PDB file of N, CA and C in Angstrom:
ATOM      1  N   UNK A   1      61.525 272.422-107.278  1.00  0.00           N
ATOM      2  CA  UNK A   1      62.465 271.434-106.919  1.00  0.00           C
ATOM      3  C   UNK A   1      63.072 271.753-105.599  1.00  0.00           C
ATOM      4  N   UNK A   2      62.991 270.785-104.657  1.00  0.00           N
ATOM      5  CA  UNK A   2      63.526 271.099-103.324  1.00  0.00           C
ATOM      6  C   UNK A   2      64.890 270.525-103.357  1.00  0.00           C
ATOM      7  N   UNK A   3      65.750 271.298-102.821  1.00  0.00           N
ATOM      8  CA  UNK A   3      67.240 270.859-102.693  1.00  0.00           C
ATOM      9  C   UNK A   3      67.621 271.137-101.262  1.00  0.00           C
ATOM     10  N   UNK A   4      68.749 270.609-100.871  1.00  0.00           N
ATOM     11  CA  UNK A   4      69.220 270.888 -99.548  1.00  0.00           C
ATOM     12  C   UNK A   4      69.167 269.644 -98.706  1.00  0.00           C
ATOM     13  N   UNK A   5      70.148 269.521 -97.917  1.00  0.00           N
ATOM     14  CA  UNK A   5      70.314 268.373 -97.024  1.00  0.00           C
ATOM     15  C   UNK A   5      71.359 268.700 -95.965  1.00  0.00           C
ATOM     16  N   UNK A   6      71.328 267.826 -94.921  1.00  0.00           N
ATOM     17  CA  UNK A   6      72.408 267.997 -93.861  1.00  0.00           C
ATOM     18  C   UNK A   6      73.733 267.552 -94.405  1.00  0.00           C
ATOM     19  N   UNK A   7      74.803 268.277 -94.164  1.00  0.00           N
ATOM     20  CA  UNK A   7      76.143 267.917 -94.560  1.00  0.00           C
ATOM     21  C   UNK A   7      77.052 267.779 -93.401  1.00  0.00           C
ATOM     22  N   UNK A   8      78.113 267.024 -93.608  1.00  0.00           N
ATOM     23  CA  UNK A   8      79.240 266.888 -92.587  1.00  0.00           C
ATOM     24  C   UNK A   8      80.174 267.877 -92.830  1.00  0.00           C
ATOM     25  N   UNK A   9      81.095 268.050 -91.848  1.00  0.00           N
ATOM     26  CA  UNK A   9      82.180 269.017 -91.946  1.00  0.00           C
ATOM     27  C   UNK A   9      83.077 268.712 -93.177  1.00  0.00           C
ATOM     28  N   UNK A  10      83.338 267.462 -93.369  1.00  0.00           N
ATOM     29  CA  UNK A  10      84.175 267.012 -94.552  1.00  0.00           C
ATOM     30  C   UNK A  10      83.502 267.295 -95.788  1.00  0.00           C
ATOM     31  N   UNK A  11      82.215 267.056 -95.840  1.00  0.00           N
ATOM     32  CA  UNK A  11      81.414 267.386 -97.136  1.00  0.00           C
ATOM     33  C   UNK A  11      81.408 268.856 -97.388  1.00  0.00           C
ATOM     34  N   UNK A  12      81.348 269.687 -96.374  1.00  0.00           N
ATOM     35  CA  UNK A  12      81.382 271.142 -96.654  1.00  0.00           C
ATOM     36  C   UNK A  12      82.722 271.596 -97.190  1.00  0.00           C
ATOM     37  N   UNK A  13      83.783 271.042 -96.633  1.00  0.00           N
ATOM     38  CA  UNK A  13      85.184 271.220 -97.199  1.00  0.00           C
ATOM     39  C   UNK A  13      85.244 270.844 -98.596  1.00  0.00           C
ATOM     40  N   UNK A  14      84.748 269.623 -98.921  1.00  0.00           N
ATOM     41  CA  UNK A  14      84.853 269.141-100.303  1.00  0.00           C
ATOM     42  C   UNK A  14      84.028 270.006-101.275  1.00  0.00           C
ATOM     43  N   UNK A  15      82.810 270.320-100.911  1.00  0.00           N
ATOM     44  CA  UNK A  15      81.958 271.231-101.656  1.00  0.00           C
ATOM     45  C   UNK A  15      82.591 272.620-101.883  1.00  0.00           C
ATOM     46  N   UNK A  16      83.139 273.126-100.912  1.00  0.00           N
ATOM     47  CA  UNK A  16      83.747 274.473-100.981  1.00  0.00           C
ATOM     48  C   UNK A  16      84.939 274.407-101.896  1.00  0.00           C
ATOM     49  N   UNK A  17      85.805 273.461-101.759  1.00  0.00           N
ATOM     50  CA  UNK A  17      86.991 273.450-102.672  1.00  0.00           C
ATOM     51  C   UNK A  17      86.639 273.154-104.031  1.00  0.00           C
ATOM     52  N   UNK A  18      85.639 272.316-104.230  1.00  0.00           N
ATOM     53  CA  UNK A  18      85.080 272.121-105.593  1.00  0.00           C
ATOM     54  C   UNK A  18      84.643 273.396-106.239  1.00  0.00           C
ATOM     55  N   UNK A  19      83.869 274.182-105.500  1.00  0.00           N
ATOM     56  CA  UNK A  19      83.303 275.442-105.981  1.00  0.00           C
ATOM     57  C   UNK A  19      84.441 276.423-106.371  1.00  0.00           C
ATOM     58  N   UNK A  20      85.438 276.581-105.467  1.00  0.00           N
ATOM     59  CA  UNK A  20      86.567 277.478-105.797  1.00  0.00           C
ATOM     60  C   UNK A  20      87.370 276.979-107.032  1.00  0.00           C
ATOM     61  N   UNK A  21      87.563 275.633-107.122  1.00  0.00           N
ATOM     62  CA  UNK A  21      88.228 275.192-108.300  1.00  0.00           C
ATOM     63  C   UNK A  21      87.539 275.319-109.584  1.00  0.00           C
ATOM     64  N   UNK A  22      86.178 275.502-109.483  1.00  0.00           N
ATOM     65  CA  UNK A  22      85.375 275.632-110.687  1.00  0.00           C
ATOM     66  C   UNK A  22      84.821 277.068-110.864  1.00  0.00           C
ATOM     67  N   UNK A  23      85.726 277.986-110.601  1.00  0.00           N
ATOM     68  CA  UNK A  23      85.497 279.462-110.771  1.00  0.00           C
ATOM     69  C   UNK A  23      84.221 279.911-110.026  1.00  0.00           C
ATOM     70  N   UNK A  24      84.037 279.366-108.903  1.00  0.00           N
ATOM     71  CA  UNK A  24      82.886 279.809-107.982  1.00  0.00           C
ATOM     72  C   UNK A  24      81.560 279.630-108.632  1.00  0.00           C
ATOM     73  N   UNK A  25      81.397 278.617-109.327  1.00  0.00           N
ATOM     74  CA  UNK A  25      80.085 278.288-110.046  1.00  0.00           C
ATOM     75  C   UNK A  25      79.177 277.704-109.013  1.00  0.00           C
ATOM     76  N   UNK A  26      78.456 278.572-108.185  1.00  0.00           N
ATOM     77  CA  UNK A  26      77.669 278.101-107.083  1.00  0.00           C
ATOM     78  C   UNK A  26      76.469 277.342-107.612  1.00  0.00           C
ATOM     79  N   UNK A  27      75.855 277.789-108.600  1.00  0.00           N
ATOM     80  CA  UNK A  27      74.667 277.059-109.063  1.00  0.00           C
ATOM     81  C   UNK A  27      74.942 275.561-109.487  1.00  0.00           C
ATOM     82  N   UNK A  28      75.981 275.343-110.265  1.00  0.00           N
ATOM     83  CA  UNK A  28      76.358 274.061-110.712  1.00  0.00           C
ATOM     84  C   UNK A  28      76.781 273.154-109.529  1.00  0.00           C
ATOM     85  N   UNK A  29      77.433 273.747-108.539  1.00  0.00           N
ATOM     86  CA  UNK A  29      77.901 273.010-107.414  1.00  0.00           C
ATOM     87  C   UNK A  29      76.681 272.569-106.505  1.00  0.00           C
ATOM     88  N   UNK A  30      75.725 273.522-106.389  1.00  0.00           N
ATOM     89  CA  UNK A  30      74.598 273.312-105.562  1.00  0.00           C
ATOM     90  C   UNK A  30      73.744 272.090-106.187  1.00  0.00           C
ATOM     91  N   UNK A  31      73.669 272.069-107.484  1.00  0.00           N
ATOM     92  CA  UNK A  31      72.965 271.011-108.205  1.00  0.00           C
ATOM     93  C   UNK A  31      73.693 269.693-108.076  1.00  0.00           C
ATOM     94  N   UNK A  32      75.008 269.710-108.181  1.00  0.00           N
ATOM     95  CA  UNK A  32      75.847 268.499-108.135  1.00  0.00           C
ATOM     96  C   UNK A  32      75.820 267.808-106.745  1.00  0.00           C
ATOM     97  N   UNK A  33      75.846 268.647-105.702  1.00  0.00           N
ATOM     98  CA  UNK A  33      75.856 268.072-104.320  1.00  0.00           C
ATOM     99  C   UNK A  33      74.462 268.075-103.669  1.00  0.00           C
ATOM    100  N   UNK A  34      73.439 268.533-104.388  1.00  0.00           N
ATOM    101  CA  UNK A  34      72.178 268.548-103.818  1.00  0.00           C
ATOM    102  C   UNK A  34      71.974 269.367-102.535  1.00  0.00           C
ATOM    103  N   UNK A  35      72.516 270.583-102.569  1.00  0.00           N
ATOM    104  CA  UNK A  35      72.403 271.507-101.499  1.00  0.00           C
ATOM    105  C   UNK A  35      71.974 272.885-102.033  1.00  0.00           C
ATOM    106  N   UNK A  36      71.575 273.797-101.171  1.00  0.00           N
ATOM    107  CA  UNK A  36      71.128 275.100-101.653  1.00  0.00           C
ATOM    108  C   UNK A  36      72.211 275.980-102.136  1.00  0.00           C
ATOM    109  N   UNK A  37      71.852 276.788-103.101  1.00  0.00           N
ATOM    110  CA  UNK A  37      72.906 277.742-103.630  1.00  0.00           C
ATOM    111  C   UNK A  37      73.440 278.656-102.598  1.00  0.00           C
ATOM    112  N   UNK A  38      72.602 279.101-101.686  1.00  0.00           N
ATOM    113  CA  UNK A  38      72.960 280.049-100.637  1.00  0.00           C
ATOM    114  C   UNK A  38      73.920 279.365 -99.620  1.00  0.00           C
ATOM    115  N   UNK A  39      73.698 278.152 -99.425  1.00  0.00           N
ATOM    116  CA  UNK A  39      74.668 277.345 -98.498  1.00  0.00           C
ATOM    117  C   UNK A  39      76.034 277.353 -99.134  1.00  0.00           C
ATOM    118  N   UNK A  40      76.100 277.012-100.355  1.00  0.00           N
ATOM    119  CA  UNK A  40      77.405 277.002-101.052  1.00  0.00           C
ATOM    120  C   UNK A  40      78.139 278.347-101.024  1.00  0.00           C
ATOM    121  N   UNK A  41      77.343 279.397-101.316  1.00  0.00           N
ATOM    122  CA  UNK A  41      77.884 280.715-101.358  1.00  0.00           C
ATOM    123  C   UNK A  41      78.419 281.083 -99.916  1.00  0.00           C
ATOM    124  N   UNK A  42      77.566 280.783 -98.889  1.00  0.00           N
ATOM    125  CA  UNK A  42      78.037 281.106 -97.504  1.00  0.00           C
ATOM    126  C   UNK A  42      79.223 280.320 -97.101  1.00  0.00           C
ATOM    127  N   UNK A  43      79.325 279.007 -97.476  1.00  0.00           N
ATOM    128  CA  UNK A  43      80.468 278.182 -97.097  1.00  0.00           C
ATOM    129  C   UNK A  43      81.760 278.760 -97.786  1.00  0.00           C
ATOM    130  N   UNK A  44      81.632 279.119 -99.036  1.00  0.00           N
ATOM    131  CA  UNK A  44      82.867 279.682 -99.759  1.00  0.00           C
ATOM    132  C   UNK A  44      83.257 280.968 -99.055  1.00  0.00           C
ATOM    133  N   UNK A  45      82.285 281.810 -98.718  1.00  0.00           N
ATOM    134  CA  UNK A  45      82.633 283.111 -98.072  1.00  0.00           C
ATOM    135  C   UNK A  45      83.281 282.830 -96.701  1.00  0.00           C
ATOM    136  N   UNK A  46      82.730 281.961 -95.884  1.00  0.00           N
ATOM    137  CA  UNK A  46      83.433 281.660 -94.585  1.00  0.00           C
ATOM    138  C   UNK A  46      84.777 280.941 -94.744  1.00  0.00           C
ATOM    139  N   UNK A  47      84.884 280.063 -95.780  1.00  0.00           N
ATOM    140  CA  UNK A  47      86.160 279.366 -96.026  1.00  0.00           C
ATOM    141  C   UNK A  47      87.292 280.389 -96.410  1.00  0.00           C
ATOM    142  N   UNK A  48      86.929 281.271 -97.239  1.00  0.00           N
ATOM    143  CA  UNK A  48      87.888 282.304 -97.695  1.00  0.00           C
ATOM    144  C   UNK A  48      88.334 283.235 -96.485  1.00  0.00           C
ATOM    145  N   UNK A  49      87.359 283.477 -95.529  1.00  0.00           N
ATOM    146  CA  UNK A  49      87.597 284.406 -94.412  1.00  0.00           C
ATOM    147  C   UNK A  49      88.311 283.720 -93.298  1.00  0.00           C
ATOM    148  N   UNK A  50      87.886 282.404 -92.924  1.00  0.00           N
ATOM    149  CA  UNK A  50      88.444 281.789 -91.784  1.00  0.00           C
ATOM    150  C   UNK A  50      89.125 280.434 -92.035  1.00  0.00           C
ATOM    151  N   UNK A  51      89.166 279.999 -93.281  1.00  0.00           N
ATOM    152  CA  UNK A  51      89.687 278.676 -93.601  1.00  0.00           C
ATOM    153  C   UNK A  51      88.705 277.597 -93.167  1.00  0.00           C
ATOM    154  N   UNK A  52      89.237 276.369 -92.980  1.00  0.00           N
ATOM    155  CA  UNK A  52      88.420 275.283 -92.638  1.00  0.00           C
ATOM    156  C   UNK A  52      87.560 275.445 -91.381  1.00  0.00           C
ATOM    157  N   UNK A  53      88.050 276.173 -90.410  1.00  0.00           N
ATOM    158  CA  UNK A  53      87.373 276.374 -89.120  1.00  0.00           C
ATOM    159  C   UNK A  53      86.057 277.229 -89.328  1.00  0.00           C
ATOM    160  N   UNK A  54      86.037 278.014 -90.417  1.00  0.00           N
ATOM    161  CA  UNK A  54      84.804 278.681 -90.816  1.00  0.00           C
ATOM    162  C   UNK A  54      83.697 277.853 -91.133  1.00  0.00           C
ATOM    163  N   UNK A  55      83.929 276.568 -91.498  1.00  0.00           N
ATOM    164  CA  UNK A  55      82.933 275.713 -91.980  1.00  0.00           C
ATOM    165  C   UNK A  55      82.371 274.833 -90.898  1.00  0.00           C
ATOM    166  N   UNK A  56      82.885 274.974 -89.690  1.00  0.00           N
ATOM    167  CA  UNK A  56      82.399 274.221 -88.582  1.00  0.00           C
ATOM    168  C   UNK A  56      80.981 274.621 -88.267  1.00  0.00           C
ATOM    169  N   UNK A  57      80.147 273.659 -87.876  1.00  0.00           N
ATOM    170  CA  UNK A  57      78.787 273.905 -87.484  1.00  0.00           C
ATOM    171  C   UNK A  57      78.688 274.084 -85.991  1.00  0.00           C
ATOM    172  N   UNK A  58      78.489 275.454 -85.648  1.00  0.00           N
ATOM    173  CA  UNK A  58      78.408 275.822 -84.192  1.00  0.00           C
ATOM    174  C   UNK A  58      76.966 275.921 -83.676  1.00  0.00           C
ATOM    175  N   UNK A  59      76.026 275.554 -84.611  1.00  0.00           N
ATOM    176  CA  UNK A  59      74.691 275.692 -84.268  1.00  0.00           C
ATOM    177  C   UNK A  59      74.285 274.810 -83.052  1.00  0.00           C
ATOM    178  N   UNK A  60      73.597 275.440 -82.130  1.00  0.00           N
ATOM    179  CA  UNK A  60      73.293 274.701 -80.956  1.00  0.00           C
ATOM    180  C   UNK A  60      74.329 274.694 -79.899  1.00  0.00           C
ATOM    181  N   UNK A  61      75.496 275.158 -80.224  1.00  0.00           N
ATOM    182  CA  UNK A  61      76.647 275.254 -79.261  1.00  0.00           C
ATOM    183  C   UNK A  61      76.324 276.321 -78.308  1.00  0.00           C
ATOM    184  N   UNK A  62      76.499 276.029 -76.965  1.00  0.00           N
ATOM    185  CA  UNK A  62      76.133 277.074 -75.957  1.00  0.00           C
ATOM    186  C   UNK A  62      77.075 278.301 -76.163  1.00  0.00           C
ATOM    187  N   UNK A  63      76.471 279.435 -76.186  1.00  0.00           N
ATOM    188  CA  UNK A  63      77.108 280.656 -76.433  1.00  0.00           C
ATOM    189  C   UNK A  63      78.298 280.878 -75.423  1.00  0.00           C
ATOM    190  N   UNK A  64      78.100 280.624 -74.185  1.00  0.00           N
ATOM    191  CA  UNK A  64      79.072 280.839 -73.261  1.00  0.00           C
ATOM    192  C   UNK A  64      80.302 280.033 -73.291  1.00  0.00           C
ATOM    193  N   UNK A  65      80.137 278.815 -73.919  1.00  0.00           N
ATOM    194  CA  UNK A  65      81.188 277.823 -74.097  1.00  0.00           C
ATOM    195  C   UNK A  65      82.037 277.997 -75.302  1.00  0.00           C
ATOM    196  N   UNK A  66      81.679 278.899 -76.219  1.00  0.00           N
ATOM    197  CA  UNK A  66      82.358 279.104 -77.426  1.00  0.00           C
ATOM    198  C   UNK A  66      83.643 279.822 -77.229  1.00  0.00           C
ATOM    199  N   UNK A  67      84.623 279.555 -78.096  1.00  0.00           N
ATOM    200  CA  UNK A  67      85.835 280.366 -78.065  1.00  0.00           C
ATOM    201  C   UNK A  67      85.543 281.790 -78.475  1.00  0.00           C
ATOM    202  N   UNK A  68      85.786 282.785 -77.643  1.00  0.00           N
ATOM    203  CA  UNK A  68      85.382 284.124 -77.960  1.00  0.00           C
ATOM    204  C   UNK A  68      86.172 284.667 -79.181  1.00  0.00           C
ATOM    205  N   UNK A  69      87.227 283.987 -79.630  1.00  0.00           N
ATOM    206  CA  UNK A  69      87.927 284.504 -80.871  1.00  0.00           C
ATOM    207  C   UNK A  69      87.052 284.094 -82.159  1.00  0.00           C
ATOM    208  N   UNK A  70      86.075 283.130 -82.020  1.00  0.00           N
ATOM    209  CA  UNK A  70      85.366 282.650 -83.013  1.00  0.00           C
ATOM    210  C   UNK A  70      84.126 283.517 -83.332  1.00  0.00           C
ATOM    211  N   UNK A  71      83.832 284.527 -82.443  1.00  0.00           N
ATOM    212  CA  UNK A  71      82.566 285.293 -82.536  1.00  0.00           C
ATOM    213  C   UNK A  71      82.698 286.248 -83.754  1.00  0.00           C
ATOM    214  N   UNK A  72      81.544 286.505 -84.370  1.00  0.00           N
ATOM    215  CA  UNK A  72      81.430 287.505 -85.351  1.00  0.00           C
ATOM    216  C   UNK A  72      81.295 288.862 -84.647  1.00  0.00           C
ATOM    217  N   UNK A  73      81.307 289.917 -85.443  1.00  0.00           N
ATOM    218  CA  UNK A  73      81.119 291.293 -84.850  1.00  0.00           C
ATOM    219  C   UNK A  73      79.786 291.419 -84.079  1.00  0.00           C
ATOM    220  N   UNK A  74      78.720 290.975 -84.767  1.00  0.00           N
ATOM    221  CA  UNK A  74      77.446 291.044 -84.103  1.00  0.00           C
ATOM    222  C   UNK A  74      77.289 290.172 -82.947  1.00  0.00           C
ATOM    223  N   UNK A  75      77.990 288.997 -82.887  1.00  0.00           N
ATOM    224  CA  UNK A  75      77.966 288.190 -81.731  1.00  0.00           C
ATOM    225  C   UNK A  75      78.656 288.792 -80.568  1.00  0.00           C
ATOM    226  N   UNK A  76      79.812 289.467 -80.908  1.00  0.00           N
ATOM    227  CA  UNK A  76      80.677 290.249 -79.882  1.00  0.00           C
ATOM    228  C   UNK A  76      79.743 291.299 -79.267  1.00  0.00           C
ATOM    229  N   UNK A  77      78.932 292.035 -80.093  1.00  0.00           N
ATOM    230  CA  UNK A  77      78.062 293.058 -79.648  1.00  0.00           C
ATOM    231  C   UNK A  77      77.093 292.524 -78.719  1.00  0.00           C
ATOM    232  N   UNK A  78      76.411 291.311 -79.054  1.00  0.00           N
ATOM    233  CA  UNK A  78      75.464 290.734 -78.204  1.00  0.00           C
ATOM    234  C   UNK A  78      76.033 290.150 -76.902  1.00  0.00           C
ATOM    235  N   UNK A  79      77.259 289.620 -77.063  1.00  0.00           N
ATOM    236  CA  UNK A  79      77.958 289.090 -75.876  1.00  0.00           C
ATOM    237  C   UNK A  79      78.274 290.181 -74.840  1.00  0.00           C
ATOM    238  N   UNK A  80      78.459 291.357 -75.265  1.00  0.00           N
ATOM    239  CA  UNK A  80      78.679 292.404 -74.351  1.00  0.00           C
ATOM    240  C   UNK A  80      77.456 292.768 -73.381  1.00  0.00           C
ATOM    241  N   UNK A  81      76.311 292.343 -73.914  1.00  0.00           N
ATOM    242  CA  UNK A  81      75.090 292.484 -73.086  1.00  0.00           C
ATOM    243  C   UNK A  81      74.825 291.280 -72.241  1.00  0.00           C
ATOM    244  N   UNK A  82      75.214 290.110 -72.744  1.00  0.00           N
ATOM    245  CA  UNK A  82      74.964 288.843 -72.032  1.00  0.00           C
ATOM    246  C   UNK A  82      75.879 288.599 -70.854  1.00  0.00           C
ATOM    247  N   UNK A  83      77.177 288.957 -71.039  1.00  0.00           N
ATOM    248  CA  UNK A  83      78.248 288.736 -70.067  1.00  0.00           C
ATOM    249  C   UNK A  83      77.949 289.437 -68.673  1.00  0.00           C
ATOM    250  N   UNK A  84      77.513 290.557 -68.634  1.00  0.00           N
ATOM    251  CA  UNK A  84      77.224 291.226 -67.343  1.00  0.00           C
ATOM    252  C   UNK A  84      76.122 290.488 -66.564  1.00  0.00           C
ATOM    253  N   UNK A  85      75.100 289.986 -67.349  1.00  0.00           N
ATOM    254  CA  UNK A  85      73.976 289.297 -66.788  1.00  0.00           C
ATOM    255  C   UNK A  85      74.378 287.978 -66.185  1.00  0.00           C
ATOM    256  N   UNK A  86      75.337 287.280 -66.807  1.00  0.00           N
ATOM    257  CA  UNK A  86      75.829 286.088 -66.338  1.00  0.00           C
ATOM    258  C   UNK A  86      76.523 286.272 -64.961  1.00  0.00           C
ATOM    259  N   UNK A  87      77.338 287.371 -64.904  1.00  0.00           N
ATOM    260  CA  UNK A  87      78.052 287.600 -63.598  1.00  0.00           C
ATOM    261  C   UNK A  87      77.024 287.976 -62.504  1.00  0.00           C
ATOM    262  N   UNK A  88      75.977 288.680 -62.879  1.00  0.00           N
ATOM    263  CA  UNK A  88      75.039 289.167 -61.897  1.00  0.00           C
ATOM    264  C   UNK A  88      74.274 287.984 -61.335  1.00  0.00           C
ATOM    265  N   UNK A  89      73.896 287.035 -62.117  1.00  0.00           N
ATOM    266  CA  UNK A  89      73.112 285.805 -61.781  1.00  0.00           C
ATOM    267  C   UNK A  89      73.971 284.801 -61.015  1.00  0.00           C
ATOM    268  N   UNK A  90      75.249 284.907 -61.116  1.00  0.00           N
ATOM    269  CA  UNK A  90      76.141 283.892 -60.556  1.00  0.00           C
ATOM    270  C   UNK A  90      76.208 283.925 -58.997  1.00  0.00           C
TER     271      UNK A  90
END
C-alpha cells in the first residue's frame, strides 16, 4: 500500500495536533490522513521542539536567505564552511 501525499502547512498542524490528542498514535494518524508514518512522527517531534514554525516547509529555500536562528546544529556546522566561500566570491 502506497501512502503519502503533499500537505499544506495548515494540514501538518491539524495532523500533528490530532496525533498528540490521540496519545501519539502515529500509525492510526498516518492511515487516517493518508500520509507516511515517518512524516507524522517527524512533524510531532518538530512541533514539540519548535512549535508551529517547526512545521514550515523550508525545502528549496535558499540557504543564504534563511533566518540563521532556524538552522539545526548540522546546518550551522555546514554554514560555517559555506559562509567564508560566499565572502571570498563576492
